[in-house]
Amino acid sequence: MPKRKPKKAAPASKQPQSTAELRKALSRQRKAELVEVLVELAQADRGVLRQLTARFEVAAAADELVAATRQAIADATDFDERDINRNFAYDDEAYREVKRNLSR
């Protein structure tokens, strides 16, 4: 059986319709509203919070850094016990946050 070739990403000019429409809708919004939405998303999802703090290099106070590192370690090492001895998915972004925080 031949191996499947990986799918190539669509060029930026041919974005899926949903992304293109989302981009249009977001570009019509005010900056303050976009900031509010990003903060709400970050509060609801630790993965989004990690991505945003890494991308924008957000500095944190020492106690916040310790708490964030503890949470990232918990997220990175969390797994479903039913998946022991299997190749299970893990939170790579959490591992990167632990590394970033420990280097600070």
Protein backbone atom coordinates (compact mmCIF):
# COMPACT_ATOMS: atom_id res chain seq x y z
CA MET A 1 0.00 0.00 0.00
CA PRO A 2 1.57 3.34 -1.01
CA LYS A 3 2.26 5.94 1.64
CA ARG A 4 0.02 8.98 1.72
CA LYS A 5 1.59 12.26 0.82
CA PRO A 6 1.05 15.07 3.32
CA LYS A 7 -1.47 17.69 2.29
CA LYS A 8 0.03 21.01 1.29
CA ALA A 9 -1.20 24.14 3.03
CA ALA A 10 -3.35 26.41 0.92
CA PRO A 11 -1.64 29.65 -0.13
CA ALA A 12 -2.64 32.78 1.77
CA SER A 13 -4.58 34.04 -1.25
CA LYS A 14 -6.73 30.88 -1.17
CA GLN A 15 -7.59 30.74 2.52
CA PRO A 16 -10.61 28.68 3.49
CA GLN A 17 -13.77 30.73 3.34
CA SER A 18 -14.30 30.69 7.09
CA THR A 19 -10.86 32.15 7.80
CA ALA A 20 -11.13 34.80 5.12
CA GLU A 21 -14.52 35.93 6.39
CA LEU A 22 -13.24 35.93 9.96
CA ARG A 23 -10.31 38.11 8.92
CA LYS A 24 -12.70 40.61 7.32
CA ALA A 25 -14.94 40.70 10.39
CA LEU A 26 -11.98 41.16 12.75
CA SER A 27 -10.45 43.94 10.68
CA ARG A 28 -13.67 45.94 11.09
CA GLN A 29 -13.47 45.83 14.89
CA ARG A 30 -11.96 48.41 17.21
CA LYS A 31 -8.63 47.66 18.86
CA ALA A 32 -10.12 47.73 22.36
CA GLU A 33 -12.75 45.18 21.40
CA LEU A 34 -10.14 42.85 19.90
CA VAL A 35 -8.03 43.11 23.06
CA GLU A 36 -11.08 42.28 25.18
CA VAL A 37 -11.87 39.21 23.07
CA LEU A 38 -8.27 37.96 23.28
CA VAL A 39 -8.26 38.35 27.06
CA GLU A 40 -11.57 36.46 27.32
CA LEU A 41 -10.19 33.64 25.16
CA ALA A 42 -7.02 33.49 27.25
CA GLN A 43 -9.05 33.30 30.47
CA ALA A 44 -11.15 30.46 29.07
CA ASP A 45 -8.28 28.39 27.64
CA ARG A 46 -4.82 28.00 29.22
CA GLY A 47 -3.40 26.92 25.85
CA VAL A 48 -4.42 30.24 24.31
CA LEU A 49 -3.03 32.06 27.34
CA ARG A 50 0.33 30.30 26.92
CA GLN A 51 0.44 31.07 23.20
CA LEU A 52 -0.33 34.76 23.71
CA THR A 53 2.13 35.24 26.58
CA ALA A 54 4.86 33.53 24.57
CA ARG A 55 4.15 35.41 21.36
CA PHE A 56 4.01 38.84 23.00
CA GLU A 57 6.72 38.05 25.59
CA VAL A 58 4.56 39.08 28.54
CA ALA A 59 6.60 39.70 31.68
CA ALA A 60 5.14 38.33 34.90
CA ALA A 61 5.81 39.01 38.57
CA ALA A 62 7.77 36.33 40.43
CA ASP A 63 4.74 34.86 42.22
CA GLU A 64 2.74 34.80 38.98
CA LEU A 65 5.67 33.13 37.23
CA VAL A 66 5.83 30.42 39.89
CA ALA A 67 2.08 29.78 39.64
CA ALA A 68 2.20 29.71 35.83
CA THR A 69 5.13 27.29 35.90
CA ARG A 70 3.35 24.97 38.34
CA GLN A 71 0.24 25.00 36.16
CA ALA A 72 2.30 24.37 33.01
CA ILE A 73 4.01 21.40 34.68
CA ALA A 74 0.61 20.03 35.68
CA ASP A 75 -0.69 20.49 32.12
CA ALA A 76 2.45 19.00 30.57
CA THR A 77 2.41 15.88 32.74
CA ASP A 78 -1.35 15.30 32.76
CA PHE A 79 -2.53 12.18 30.96
CA ASP A 80 -5.41 9.75 30.92
CA GLU A 81 -4.44 6.63 32.86
CA ARG A 82 -6.23 4.53 30.26
CA ASP A 83 -3.48 5.59 27.82
CA ILE A 84 -0.58 4.18 29.85
CA ASN A 85 1.85 2.22 27.64
CA ARG A 86 0.54 3.91 24.51
CA ASN A 87 1.78 6.79 22.45
CA PHE A 88 -0.57 9.45 23.82
CA ALA A 89 -0.80 13.13 22.93
CA TYR A 90 0.88 15.61 25.25
CA ASP A 91 0.86 19.38 25.62
CA ASP A 92 4.07 20.46 23.89
CA GLU A 93 3.29 24.14 24.45
CA ALA A 94 3.15 23.51 28.21
CA TYR A 95 6.64 21.98 28.10
CA ARG A 96 7.91 25.04 26.23
CA GLU A 97 6.34 27.34 28.81
CA VAL A 98 8.04 25.46 31.64
CA LYS A 99 11.37 25.86 29.84
CA ARG A 100 10.76 29.60 29.21
CA ASN A 101 9.68 30.22 32.80
CA LEU A 102 12.60 28.33 34.31
CA SER A 103 15.03 30.29 32.15
CA ARG A 104 13.57 33.57 33.44
